[in-house]
Protein backbone atom coordinates (compact mmCIF):
# COMPACT_ATOMS: atom_id res chain seq x y z
CA MET A 1 30.44 10.14 -27.49
CA ALA A 2 26.93 11.43 -26.62
CA TRP A 3 26.61 15.16 -26.72
CA VAL A 4 25.85 16.96 -23.57
CA PRO A 5 25.04 20.66 -23.71
CA SER A 6 26.68 23.05 -21.29
CA GLU A 7 24.55 25.52 -19.52
CA SER A 8 25.62 28.33 -22.00
CA ALA A 9 24.85 26.00 -25.01
CA VAL A 10 21.31 25.50 -23.66
CA GLU A 11 20.79 29.15 -23.42
CA GLU A 12 21.99 29.78 -26.88
CA LEU A 13 19.67 27.20 -28.30
CA MET A 14 16.55 28.35 -26.31
CA PRO A 15 15.35 30.56 -29.14
CA ARG A 16 15.15 27.57 -31.38
CA LEU A 17 12.46 26.09 -29.29
CA LEU A 18 9.97 28.98 -29.91
CA PRO A 19 6.75 27.62 -31.69
CA VAL A 20 7.13 27.10 -35.30
CA GLU A 21 4.54 25.93 -37.90
CA PRO A 22 4.48 22.20 -38.23
CA CYS A 23 4.89 22.19 -41.98
CA ASP A 24 8.13 24.27 -41.74
CA LEU A 25 9.44 21.93 -39.08
CA ALA A 26 8.63 18.76 -40.82
CA GLU A 27 10.12 19.56 -44.20
CA GLY A 28 12.91 17.27 -45.07
CA PHE A 29 12.44 15.33 -41.84
CA ASP A 30 13.31 11.64 -41.85
CA PRO A 31 12.21 9.98 -38.50
CA SER A 32 14.40 6.92 -39.16
CA VAL A 33 17.54 8.91 -39.10
CA PRO A 34 18.91 9.53 -35.69
CA PRO A 35 19.86 13.26 -34.80
CA ARG A 36 23.49 14.02 -35.48
CA THR A 37 23.66 17.35 -33.87
CA PRO A 38 21.94 19.29 -30.72
CA GLN A 39 19.97 21.27 -33.41
CA GLU A 40 18.69 18.24 -35.14
CA TYR A 41 17.69 16.53 -31.71
CA LEU A 42 15.78 19.80 -30.70
CA ARG A 43 14.17 19.88 -34.14
CA ARG A 44 12.81 16.41 -33.68
CA VAL A 45 11.65 17.21 -30.15
CA GLN A 46 9.60 20.17 -31.61
CA ILE A 47 8.19 18.02 -34.55
CA GLU A 48 6.96 15.34 -32.19
CA ALA A 49 5.45 17.81 -29.83
CA ALA A 50 3.70 19.53 -32.73
CA GLN A 51 2.26 16.45 -33.74
CA CYS A 52 0.53 15.70 -30.34
CA PRO A 53 -3.15 16.75 -30.15
CA ASP A 54 -4.12 19.43 -27.79
CA VAL A 55 -6.61 17.12 -26.03
CA VAL A 56 -6.02 13.45 -25.47
CA VAL A 57 -9.14 11.20 -24.81
CA ALA A 58 -8.28 7.80 -22.91
CA GLN A 59 -9.74 4.74 -24.36
CA ILE A 60 -11.25 3.01 -21.56
CA ASP A 61 -12.53 -0.68 -21.55
CA PRO A 62 -16.25 -0.66 -20.38
CA LYS A 63 -15.86 -4.05 -18.87
CA LYS A 64 -13.25 -2.53 -16.49
CA LEU A 65 -15.70 -0.08 -15.19
CA LYS A 66 -17.95 -2.77 -13.96
CA ARG A 67 -15.18 -3.97 -11.59
CA LYS A 68 -15.43 -2.95 -7.98
CA GLN A 69 -13.09 -0.06 -7.50
CA SER A 70 -11.03 -0.38 -4.28
CA VAL A 71 -9.35 2.94 -4.27
CA ASN A 72 -11.12 5.49 -1.97
CA VAL A 73 -10.13 9.00 -2.42
CA SER A 74 -11.90 10.29 0.52
CA LEU A 75 -9.60 12.66 2.61
CA SER A 76 -11.66 12.50 5.78
CA GLY A 77 -9.91 11.99 8.89
CA CYS A 78 -10.23 9.60 11.95
CA GLN A 79 -12.67 9.79 14.53
CA PRO A 80 -11.26 11.50 17.56
CA ALA A 81 -10.41 9.08 20.36
CA PRO A 82 -12.67 9.25 23.41
CA GLU A 83 -11.14 10.93 26.64
CA GLY A 84 -8.45 8.69 27.99
CA TYR A 85 -8.08 6.48 25.03
CA SER A 86 -5.59 8.45 23.11
CA PRO A 87 -1.92 7.35 23.48
CA THR A 88 0.91 9.68 24.66
CA LEU A 89 3.18 11.06 22.03
CA LYS A 90 6.12 9.36 23.68
CA TRP A 91 4.35 5.96 23.24
CA GLN A 92 3.57 6.75 19.44
CA GLN A 93 7.25 7.73 18.85
CA GLN A 94 8.34 4.41 20.56
CA GLN A 95 5.97 2.44 18.31
CA VAL A 96 7.36 4.03 15.10
CA ALA A 97 10.81 3.48 16.18
CA GLN A 98 10.14 -0.27 17.01
CA PHE A 99 8.15 -0.64 13.59
CA SER A 100 11.01 0.84 11.59
CA THR A 101 13.49 -1.65 13.23
CA VAL A 102 11.15 -4.50 12.30
CA ARG A 103 10.85 -3.45 8.64
CA GLN A 104 14.64 -3.19 8.36
CA SER A 105 14.99 -6.67 9.86
CA VAL A 106 12.28 -8.09 7.42
CA ASN A 107 14.01 -6.47 4.41
CA LYS A 108 17.38 -7.62 5.51
CA HIS A 109 16.31 -11.36 5.79
CA ARG A 110 13.65 -11.58 3.38
CA SER A 111 15.94 -13.71 0.95
CA HIS A 112 16.79 -16.01 3.72
CA TRP A 113 13.12 -16.72 4.75
CA LYS A 114 11.84 -16.83 1.37
CA SER A 115 14.34 -19.71 0.75
CA GLN A 116 13.00 -21.87 3.79
CA GLN A 117 10.61 -24.70 2.86
CA LEU A 118 7.02 -24.16 4.07
CA ASP A 119 5.39 -26.92 6.23
CA SER A 120 3.38 -29.31 4.11
CA ASN A 121 0.17 -28.24 5.51
CA VAL A 122 0.75 -24.50 4.40
CA THR A 123 -0.55 -23.78 0.95
CA MET A 124 -0.75 -20.14 0.09
CA PRO A 125 -3.74 -18.96 -1.84
CA LYS A 126 -3.42 -17.26 -5.19
CA SER A 127 -3.35 -13.59 -5.15
CA GLU A 128 -6.77 -12.99 -6.54
CA ASP A 129 -8.42 -15.56 -4.15
CA GLU A 130 -10.09 -13.05 -1.61
CA GLU A 131 -12.04 -15.72 0.28
CA GLY A 132 -9.02 -18.07 0.31
CA TRP A 133 -6.69 -15.40 1.83
CA LYS A 134 -9.40 -14.42 4.57
CA LYS A 135 -9.67 -18.06 5.57
CA PHE A 136 -5.87 -18.55 5.25
CA CYS A 137 -5.20 -15.51 7.63
CA LEU A 138 -8.18 -15.54 9.95
CA GLY A 139 -9.03 -19.24 9.97
CA GLU A 140 -12.27 -20.95 8.76
CA ARG A 141 -13.76 -20.69 12.29
CA LEU A 142 -13.56 -16.89 12.41
CA CYS A 143 -14.66 -16.50 8.85
CA ALA A 144 -17.67 -18.88 9.26
CA GLU A 145 -18.93 -17.54 12.53
CA GLY A 146 -17.78 -14.11 12.62
CA ALA A 147 -16.56 -14.84 16.24
CA ILE A 148 -14.62 -12.30 18.04
CA GLY A 149 -13.47 -14.33 21.03
CA PRO A 150 -10.08 -16.07 21.24
CA ALA A 151 -9.80 -19.74 19.92
CA THR A 152 -9.93 -22.50 22.56
CA ASN A 153 -7.35 -25.13 22.53
CA GLU A 154 -9.50 -28.19 23.10
CA SER A 155 -6.65 -30.47 21.87
CA PRO A 156 -2.83 -30.64 22.04
CA GLY A 157 -2.40 -29.96 18.32
CA ILE A 158 -3.09 -26.62 16.50
CA ASP A 159 -5.54 -26.83 13.70
CA TYR A 160 -4.19 -23.77 11.64
CA VAL A 161 -6.92 -24.39 9.03
CA GLN A 162 -9.41 -23.53 11.70
CA ILE A 163 -7.73 -20.76 13.53
CA GLY A 164 -5.70 -19.19 10.45
CA PHE A 165 -1.97 -19.22 9.81
CA PRO A 166 0.24 -16.64 11.64
CA PRO A 167 2.06 -14.21 9.51
CA LEU A 168 5.38 -16.31 9.80
CA LEU A 169 8.35 -14.53 7.96
CA SER A 170 8.61 -17.76 5.69
CA ILE A 171 5.22 -16.85 4.38
CA VAL A 172 5.15 -12.96 4.15
CA SER A 173 8.60 -13.07 2.35
CA ARG A 174 7.19 -14.93 -0.36
CA MET A 175 4.56 -12.24 -0.96
CA ASN A 176 5.29 -9.58 -3.55
CA GLN A 177 3.93 -6.20 -3.24
CA ALA A 178 0.90 -6.93 -5.54
CA THR A 179 -0.08 -9.70 -3.26
CA ILE A 180 0.67 -7.78 0.06
CA THR A 181 -1.71 -4.97 -1.28
CA SER A 182 -4.41 -7.37 -2.41
CA VAL A 183 -4.36 -9.27 0.98
CA LEU A 184 -4.41 -5.84 2.84
CA GLU A 185 -7.43 -4.98 0.83
CA TYR A 186 -9.27 -8.45 1.59
CA LEU A 187 -8.67 -7.88 5.40
CA SER A 188 -9.69 -4.35 5.38
CA ASN A 189 -12.91 -5.48 3.66
CA TRP A 190 -13.57 -8.06 6.27
CA PHE A 191 -12.58 -5.65 9.13
CA GLY A 192 -15.18 -2.94 7.61
CA GLU A 193 -18.03 -5.39 8.55
CA ARG A 194 -16.74 -6.94 11.62
CA ASP A 195 -14.91 -6.31 14.96
CA PHE A 196 -11.28 -6.23 15.46
CA THR A 197 -9.59 -9.65 16.44
CA PRO A 198 -6.03 -10.52 17.49
CA GLU A 199 -5.50 -12.64 14.36
CA LEU A 200 -6.49 -9.70 12.18
CA GLY A 201 -4.10 -7.39 14.22
CA ARG A 202 -1.16 -9.66 13.73
CA TRP A 203 -1.72 -9.86 9.89
CA LEU A 204 -2.23 -6.10 9.53
CA TYR A 205 0.88 -5.12 11.46
CA ALA A 206 2.98 -7.64 9.37
CA LEU A 207 1.32 -6.43 6.12
CA LEU A 208 2.25 -2.83 6.92
CA ALA A 209 5.92 -3.98 7.83
CA CYS A 210 6.27 -5.57 4.38
CA LEU A 211 4.57 -2.72 2.62
CA GLU A 212 7.28 -0.61 0.49
CA LYS A 213 7.48 3.08 0.32
CA PRO A 214 6.82 5.19 -1.46
CA LEU A 215 3.28 3.92 -1.43
CA LEU A 216 1.19 3.20 -4.65
CA PRO A 217 -2.03 5.16 -4.64
CA GLU A 218 -4.07 2.00 -3.95
CA ALA A 219 -1.95 1.15 -0.94
CA HIS A 220 -2.25 4.80 0.23
CA SER A 221 -5.98 4.61 0.10
CA LEU A 222 -6.13 1.30 1.77
CA ILE A 223 -4.02 2.34 4.81
CA ARG A 224 -6.13 5.44 5.29
CA GLN A 225 -9.33 3.34 5.16
CA LEU A 226 -7.77 1.03 7.78
CA ALA A 227 -6.89 3.82 10.12
CA ARG A 228 -10.41 5.41 9.89
CA ARG A 229 -11.97 1.90 10.60
CA CYS A 230 -9.85 1.48 13.60
CA SER A 231 -10.93 4.88 14.86
CA GLU A 232 -14.63 3.81 14.43
CA VAL A 233 -14.10 0.54 16.23
CA ARG A 234 -12.41 2.30 19.20
CA LEU A 235 -15.36 4.51 19.72
CA LEU A 236 -17.56 1.38 20.30
CA VAL A 237 -15.12 -0.08 23.04
CA ASP A 238 -16.62 0.27 26.48
CA SER A 239 -13.47 0.45 28.55
CA LYS A 240 -10.05 2.18 27.61
CA ASP A 241 -8.63 -0.97 29.44
CA ASP A 242 -9.95 -3.13 26.67
CA GLU A 243 -7.12 -5.33 25.11
CA ARG A 244 -8.41 -3.90 21.54
CA VAL A 245 -7.55 -0.32 22.45
CA PRO A 246 -3.71 -0.41 22.22
CA ALA A 247 -3.85 -2.59 19.22
CA LEU A 248 -6.23 -0.14 17.43
CA ASN A 249 -4.07 2.85 18.64
CA LEU A 250 -0.99 1.12 17.27
CA LEU A 251 -2.30 0.68 13.78
CA ILE A 252 -3.60 4.26 13.71
CA CYS A 253 -0.20 5.51 14.99
CA LEU A 254 1.70 3.48 12.21
CA VAL A 255 -0.48 4.63 9.44
CA SER A 256 -0.29 8.27 10.51
CA ARG A 257 3.15 8.82 11.78
CA TYR A 258 5.32 6.17 10.02
CA PHE A 259 3.47 6.44 6.55
CA ASP A 260 3.08 10.15 6.84
CA GLN A 261 -0.66 10.51 7.05
CA ARG A 262 -0.33 13.10 9.77
CA ASP A 263 -4.02 14.27 9.46
CA LEU A 264 -5.18 10.98 10.84
CA ALA A 265 -2.83 11.07 13.92
CA ASP A 266 -4.21 10.90 17.39
CA GLU A 267 -3.71 14.06 19.52
CA PRO A 268 -1.58 12.91 22.47
CA SER A 269 -3.23 12.56 25.85
């Protein structure tokens, strides 16, 4: 049976944890023999601690330093919404509640949708294929032209290669967290240089719905970057009745209030 010290036993053994010279500790120490008593266990801990250097220098591969670093540690907030553009607190609370329900449904049925066969025309890019994912999500038309207007249906069929595949559950359920974070980065990079589009909004919402908490540092940085970009684009919108305003408000709301980045939250109008 494994030995578990009681509170009193721990207090009795505390004096044994005072610093002792490494040579005294290591005398007769055999690391291949497992500790048989609490005292031997504590002695082993002391010896291993004494052998650790005071300063540890990480060995960094110089090649990795040349890679583009995607984590932005900036703590700056969002641009304040123009007068009349900021959503009410009630609206924000409703969006958070609905988003939470969506996330629960996605998690609950992920296995089911993952098992569904994709259509023959759906080929998901590899995780590291940035251009492939941009075209997959936004369509070759939008990526090639940088257009911001809605796609026109000139024929009865839908050419998803041109207009992009929607974030179907059968697609996003196949994406692991690494892929979700990568695609979020790719789309954020695209958004950083272009205007907001409905295709982009649908995918950003879906990726946020699939993002697991607690957030990894890179994901944390990406969603903050996304919220700030939304606030910057909102400043350029001429009218508060523009259809982009509620979509931009929604993304800022989810990042700030659902993912607990409260310093980015809009002040209620």
